[in-house]
Amino acid sequence: MNKNEILISVILNNYNYSRYIAEAITSVLEQSYANFELIIVDDGSTDNSKEIIEQFAKKDSRIKLCFKENGGQASAFNAGYEAAKGDIICFLDSDDYFAPEKLAEIKKMHT
């Protein structure tokens, strides 16, 4: 495998965090390392999270969506893990964000 071809899967779980989700998504999309997929698992939110998530997905094909009934954080991460195709898996909560070099640093540690 060519070291430059490592795919990183970022699994972002969300439940009713519409006030934070855009910042979390943006922090992944603005990474210096661009070979990633962002799997957003919405765990049955009842706020406007779904609309925000869908707007981002329309603009970037690296975003994969998973909308499911509420089952808790562990079930959301499990759903994201099953959908992941990456060589490396990272987890991100919807009320958090990644520093711009996070994925580049993770890739360095695994090559």
N, C-alpha and C. Protein backbone atom coordinates (compact mmCIF):
# COMPACT_ATOMS: atom_id res chain seq x y z
N MET A 1 0.85 -1.19 0.00
CA MET A 1 0.00 0.00 0.00
C MET A 1 0.89 1.24 0.00
N ASN A 2 0.57 2.17 -0.86
CA ASN A 2 1.26 3.46 -0.90
C ASN A 2 0.87 4.27 0.33
N LYS A 3 1.86 4.79 1.05
CA LYS A 3 1.58 5.54 2.29
C LYS A 3 0.70 6.75 2.06
N ASN A 4 0.72 7.31 0.87
CA ASN A 4 -0.10 8.48 0.57
C ASN A 4 -1.56 8.12 0.32
N GLU A 5 -1.86 6.84 0.23
CA GLU A 5 -3.21 6.42 -0.07
C GLU A 5 -4.00 5.96 1.15
N ILE A 6 -3.47 6.16 2.34
CA ILE A 6 -4.17 5.74 3.55
C ILE A 6 -5.47 6.53 3.68
N LEU A 7 -6.57 5.79 3.80
CA LEU A 7 -7.87 6.41 4.01
C LEU A 7 -8.16 6.41 5.51
N ILE A 8 -8.53 7.57 6.01
CA ILE A 8 -8.90 7.70 7.42
C ILE A 8 -10.41 7.89 7.48
N SER A 9 -11.05 7.07 8.30
CA SER A 9 -12.49 7.20 8.54
C SER A 9 -12.68 7.96 9.84
N VAL A 10 -13.44 9.05 9.76
CA VAL A 10 -13.79 9.81 10.95
C VAL A 10 -15.26 9.54 11.21
N ILE A 11 -15.56 9.00 12.37
CA ILE A 11 -16.93 8.71 12.76
C ILE A 11 -17.37 9.78 13.75
N LEU A 12 -18.37 10.54 13.34
CA LEU A 12 -18.89 11.63 14.15
C LEU A 12 -20.31 11.26 14.58
N ASN A 13 -20.50 11.09 15.88
CA ASN A 13 -21.85 10.77 16.34
C ASN A 13 -22.55 12.03 16.84
N ASN A 14 -23.86 12.05 16.70
CA ASN A 14 -24.63 13.24 17.07
C ASN A 14 -25.98 12.84 17.64
N TYR A 15 -26.36 13.56 18.68
CA TYR A 15 -27.72 13.47 19.20
C TYR A 15 -28.10 14.85 19.76
N ASN A 16 -28.94 15.55 19.01
CA ASN A 16 -29.49 16.86 19.43
C ASN A 16 -28.42 17.90 19.76
N TYR A 17 -27.36 17.93 18.98
CA TYR A 17 -26.32 18.95 19.19
C TYR A 17 -26.23 19.88 17.99
N SER A 18 -27.38 20.33 17.51
CA SER A 18 -27.40 21.20 16.34
C SER A 18 -26.57 22.47 16.56
N ARG A 19 -26.46 22.92 17.79
CA ARG A 19 -25.71 24.15 18.05
C ARG A 19 -24.20 23.96 17.89
N TYR A 20 -23.71 22.70 17.89
CA TYR A 20 -22.28 22.43 17.77
C TYR A 20 -21.89 21.70 16.49
N ILE A 21 -22.82 20.99 15.88
CA ILE A 21 -22.48 20.04 14.81
C ILE A 21 -21.76 20.69 13.62
N ALA A 22 -22.12 21.91 13.26
CA ALA A 22 -21.47 22.56 12.12
C ALA A 22 -19.98 22.77 12.38
N GLU A 23 -19.63 23.17 13.60
CA GLU A 23 -18.22 23.38 13.93
C GLU A 23 -17.45 22.06 13.89
N ALA A 24 -18.06 20.99 14.39
CA ALA A 24 -17.41 19.68 14.36
C ALA A 24 -17.16 19.23 12.92
N ILE A 25 -18.18 19.34 12.09
CA ILE A 25 -18.04 18.93 10.68
C ILE A 25 -16.99 19.78 9.98
N THR A 26 -17.06 21.08 10.16
CA THR A 26 -16.10 21.99 9.51
C THR A 26 -14.67 21.65 9.92
N SER A 27 -14.47 21.30 11.19
CA SER A 27 -13.11 20.99 11.65
C SER A 27 -12.54 19.77 10.94
N VAL A 28 -13.38 18.86 10.51
CA VAL A 28 -12.90 17.71 9.75
C VAL A 28 -12.67 18.10 8.30
N LEU A 29 -13.59 18.82 7.72
CA LEU A 29 -13.47 19.20 6.31
C LEU A 29 -12.27 20.09 6.04
N GLU A 30 -11.80 20.80 7.05
CA GLU A 30 -10.66 21.72 6.88
C GLU A 30 -9.33 21.08 7.28
N GLN A 31 -9.27 19.78 7.37
CA GLN A 31 -8.02 19.10 7.72
C GLN A 31 -6.97 19.28 6.63
N SER A 32 -5.71 19.33 7.02
CA SER A 32 -4.62 19.43 6.05
C SER A 32 -4.45 18.11 5.29
N TYR A 33 -4.81 17.00 5.89
CA TYR A 33 -4.79 15.70 5.23
C TYR A 33 -6.20 15.44 4.71
N ALA A 34 -6.33 15.29 3.41
CA ALA A 34 -7.66 15.29 2.79
C ALA A 34 -8.20 13.92 2.41
N ASN A 35 -7.41 12.85 2.57
CA ASN A 35 -7.90 11.53 2.17
C ASN A 35 -8.63 10.88 3.34
N PHE A 36 -9.85 11.33 3.55
CA PHE A 36 -10.67 10.81 4.63
C PHE A 36 -12.11 10.69 4.16
N GLU A 37 -12.85 9.91 4.93
CA GLU A 37 -14.30 9.88 4.79
C GLU A 37 -14.84 10.30 6.15
N LEU A 38 -15.88 11.09 6.13
CA LEU A 38 -16.52 11.54 7.36
C LEU A 38 -17.88 10.87 7.44
N ILE A 39 -18.02 9.97 8.38
CA ILE A 39 -19.27 9.24 8.56
C ILE A 39 -20.00 9.91 9.72
N ILE A 40 -21.12 10.53 9.41
CA ILE A 40 -21.90 11.22 10.44
C ILE A 40 -23.10 10.33 10.78
N VAL A 41 -23.15 9.93 12.04
CA VAL A 41 -24.23 9.09 12.52
C VAL A 41 -25.11 9.94 13.43
N ASP A 42 -26.33 10.20 12.96
CA ASP A 42 -27.28 10.93 13.79
C ASP A 42 -28.15 9.89 14.49
N ASP A 43 -28.14 9.95 15.81
CA ASP A 43 -28.78 8.94 16.64
C ASP A 43 -30.20 9.35 17.03
N GLY A 44 -31.01 9.69 16.01
CA GLY A 44 -32.41 10.01 16.25
C GLY A 44 -32.66 11.39 16.83
N SER A 45 -31.87 12.37 16.41
CA SER A 45 -32.04 13.74 16.92
C SER A 45 -33.45 14.25 16.66
N THR A 46 -33.94 15.08 17.58
CA THR A 46 -35.25 15.70 17.43
C THR A 46 -35.13 17.20 17.20
N ASP A 47 -33.91 17.73 17.16
CA ASP A 47 -33.70 19.15 16.84
C ASP A 47 -33.45 19.26 15.34
N ASN A 48 -32.84 20.33 14.87
CA ASN A 48 -32.62 20.50 13.43
C ASN A 48 -31.25 20.00 12.98
N SER A 49 -30.66 19.09 13.72
CA SER A 49 -29.36 18.52 13.35
C SER A 49 -29.38 17.91 11.95
N LYS A 50 -30.42 17.16 11.64
CA LYS A 50 -30.49 16.46 10.36
C LYS A 50 -30.36 17.43 9.19
N GLU A 51 -31.04 18.56 9.26
CA GLU A 51 -30.98 19.54 8.18
C GLU A 51 -29.57 20.12 8.03
N ILE A 52 -28.92 20.39 9.14
CA ILE A 52 -27.56 20.93 9.10
C ILE A 52 -26.61 19.91 8.48
N ILE A 53 -26.72 18.68 8.92
CA ILE A 53 -25.86 17.60 8.41
C ILE A 53 -26.08 17.40 6.91
N GLU A 54 -27.32 17.39 6.48
CA GLU A 54 -27.62 17.19 5.06
C GLU A 54 -27.06 18.32 4.20
N GLN A 55 -27.07 19.54 4.69
CA GLN A 55 -26.50 20.67 3.93
C GLN A 55 -25.01 20.47 3.68
N PHE A 56 -24.29 20.01 4.70
CA PHE A 56 -22.86 19.73 4.52
C PHE A 56 -22.65 18.59 3.54
N ALA A 57 -23.46 17.54 3.64
CA ALA A 57 -23.30 16.37 2.78
C ALA A 57 -23.51 16.71 1.30
N LYS A 58 -24.38 17.66 1.03
CA LYS A 58 -24.62 18.08 -0.35
C LYS A 58 -23.39 18.72 -0.97
N LYS A 59 -22.52 19.27 -0.14
CA LYS A 59 -21.37 20.03 -0.62
C LYS A 59 -20.07 19.23 -0.67
N ASP A 60 -20.03 18.06 -0.03
CA ASP A 60 -18.76 17.32 0.03
C ASP A 60 -19.04 15.82 -0.04
N SER A 61 -18.54 15.18 -1.08
CA SER A 61 -18.82 13.76 -1.30
C SER A 61 -18.09 12.85 -0.31
N ARG A 62 -17.17 13.38 0.47
CA ARG A 62 -16.49 12.56 1.48
C ARG A 62 -17.38 12.30 2.69
N ILE A 63 -18.51 12.99 2.76
CA ILE A 63 -19.42 12.82 3.89
C ILE A 63 -20.41 11.70 3.59
N LYS A 64 -20.48 10.74 4.49
CA LYS A 64 -21.44 9.63 4.41
C LYS A 64 -22.41 9.80 5.57
N LEU A 65 -23.69 9.62 5.30
CA LEU A 65 -24.71 9.85 6.32
C LEU A 65 -25.32 8.55 6.81
N CYS A 66 -25.62 8.55 8.09
CA CYS A 66 -26.32 7.43 8.71
C CYS A 66 -27.31 8.02 9.71
N PHE A 67 -28.59 7.92 9.40
CA PHE A 67 -29.63 8.38 10.32
C PHE A 67 -30.29 7.14 10.91
N LYS A 68 -30.35 7.08 12.23
CA LYS A 68 -30.91 5.91 12.89
C LYS A 68 -31.78 6.33 14.06
N GLU A 69 -32.56 5.39 14.55
CA GLU A 69 -33.36 5.64 15.74
C GLU A 69 -32.42 5.75 16.93
N ASN A 70 -32.85 6.50 17.93
CA ASN A 70 -32.02 6.69 19.11
C ASN A 70 -31.74 5.36 19.80
N GLY A 71 -30.44 5.12 19.98
CA GLY A 71 -30.02 3.89 20.65
C GLY A 71 -28.85 4.11 21.58
N GLY A 72 -28.40 5.35 21.67
CA GLY A 72 -27.27 5.67 22.54
C GLY A 72 -25.97 5.80 21.77
N GLN A 73 -24.99 6.40 22.45
CA GLN A 73 -23.71 6.70 21.82
C GLN A 73 -22.99 5.46 21.31
N ALA A 74 -22.98 4.40 22.08
CA ALA A 74 -22.28 3.19 21.65
C ALA A 74 -22.89 2.62 20.37
N SER A 75 -24.22 2.62 20.28
CA SER A 75 -24.84 2.08 19.06
C SER A 75 -24.57 2.99 17.87
N ALA A 76 -24.45 4.29 18.09
CA ALA A 76 -24.12 5.22 17.00
C ALA A 76 -22.69 4.97 16.51
N PHE A 77 -21.75 4.82 17.43
CA PHE A 77 -20.37 4.53 17.01
C PHE A 77 -20.30 3.18 16.31
N ASN A 78 -21.04 2.18 16.78
CA ASN A 78 -21.05 0.87 16.12
C ASN A 78 -21.58 0.98 14.69
N ALA A 79 -22.63 1.76 14.48
CA ALA A 79 -23.18 1.95 13.14
C ALA A 79 -22.15 2.62 12.23
N GLY A 80 -21.46 3.61 12.76
CA GLY A 80 -20.41 4.28 11.98
C GLY A 80 -19.26 3.35 11.67
N TYR A 81 -18.88 2.54 12.62
CA TYR A 81 -17.77 1.60 12.43
C TYR A 81 -18.11 0.59 11.32
N GLU A 82 -19.34 0.13 11.31
CA GLU A 82 -19.75 -0.82 10.27
C GLU A 82 -19.71 -0.21 8.88
N ALA A 83 -19.94 1.10 8.78
CA ALA A 83 -19.94 1.78 7.49
C ALA A 83 -18.53 2.22 7.06
N ALA A 84 -17.59 2.21 7.98
CA ALA A 84 -16.24 2.73 7.70
C ALA A 84 -15.47 1.84 6.74
N LYS A 85 -14.73 2.50 5.85
CA LYS A 85 -13.89 1.80 4.89
C LYS A 85 -12.41 2.14 5.07
N GLY A 86 -12.11 2.96 6.06
CA GLY A 86 -10.76 3.45 6.23
C GLY A 86 -9.78 2.45 6.81
N ASP A 87 -8.50 2.76 6.59
CA ASP A 87 -7.41 1.99 7.16
C ASP A 87 -7.21 2.37 8.63
N ILE A 88 -7.60 3.58 8.96
CA ILE A 88 -7.51 4.12 10.32
C ILE A 88 -8.89 4.67 10.67
N ILE A 89 -9.33 4.45 11.90
CA ILE A 89 -10.63 4.93 12.36
C ILE A 89 -10.41 5.95 13.48
N CYS A 90 -11.09 7.10 13.38
CA CYS A 90 -11.05 8.13 14.43
C CYS A 90 -12.49 8.42 14.85
N PHE A 91 -12.64 8.80 16.09
CA PHE A 91 -13.96 9.13 16.62
C PHE A 91 -14.00 10.59 17.02
N LEU A 92 -15.15 11.23 16.78
CA LEU A 92 -15.34 12.63 17.13
C LEU A 92 -16.77 12.82 17.62
N ASP A 93 -16.90 13.44 18.79
CA ASP A 93 -18.23 13.78 19.29
C ASP A 93 -18.69 15.07 18.64
N SER A 94 -19.98 15.23 18.50
CA SER A 94 -20.52 16.39 17.78
C SER A 94 -20.36 17.70 18.53
N ASP A 95 -19.99 17.66 19.79
CA ASP A 95 -19.74 18.90 20.52
C ASP A 95 -18.25 19.16 20.70
N ASP A 96 -17.45 18.57 19.83
CA ASP A 96 -16.00 18.73 19.88
C ASP A 96 -15.50 19.06 18.48
N TYR A 97 -14.21 19.20 18.31
CA TYR A 97 -13.66 19.49 16.98
C TYR A 97 -12.23 18.99 16.92
N PHE A 98 -11.71 18.86 15.69
CA PHE A 98 -10.33 18.45 15.45
C PHE A 98 -9.49 19.68 15.14
N ALA A 99 -8.28 19.71 15.66
CA ALA A 99 -7.29 20.72 15.25
C ALA A 99 -6.95 20.44 13.79
N PRO A 100 -6.53 21.47 13.03
CA PRO A 100 -6.32 21.32 11.59
C PRO A 100 -5.32 20.25 11.16
N GLU A 101 -4.38 19.88 12.00
CA GLU A 101 -3.36 18.88 11.65
C GLU A 101 -3.62 17.51 12.25
N LYS A 102 -4.76 17.32 12.88
CA LYS A 102 -5.03 16.06 13.59
C LYS A 102 -4.87 14.84 12.70
N LEU A 103 -5.52 14.81 11.55
CA LEU A 103 -5.45 13.63 10.70
C LEU A 103 -4.06 13.43 10.12
N ALA A 104 -3.37 14.50 9.80
CA ALA A 104 -1.99 14.39 9.30
C ALA A 104 -1.09 13.77 10.36
N GLU A 105 -1.26 14.17 11.59
CA GLU A 105 -0.47 13.62 12.70
C GLU A 105 -0.80 12.15 12.91
N ILE A 106 -2.07 11.80 12.85
CA ILE A 106 -2.46 10.40 13.02
C ILE A 106 -1.88 9.54 11.91
N LYS A 107 -1.92 10.04 10.69
CA LYS A 107 -1.36 9.31 9.56
C LYS A 107 0.14 9.10 9.77
N LYS A 108 0.84 10.13 10.22
CA LYS A 108 2.29 10.01 10.47
C LYS A 108 2.60 8.90 11.48
N MET A 109 1.78 8.80 12.50
CA MET A 109 2.02 7.80 13.54
C MET A 109 1.79 6.38 13.03
N HIS A 110 1.06 6.23 11.95
CA HIS A 110 0.72 4.90 11.45
C HIS A 110 1.42 4.55 10.13
N THR A 111 2.41 5.34 9.77
CA THR A 111 3.13 5.01 8.52
C THR A 111 4.60 4.81 8.79
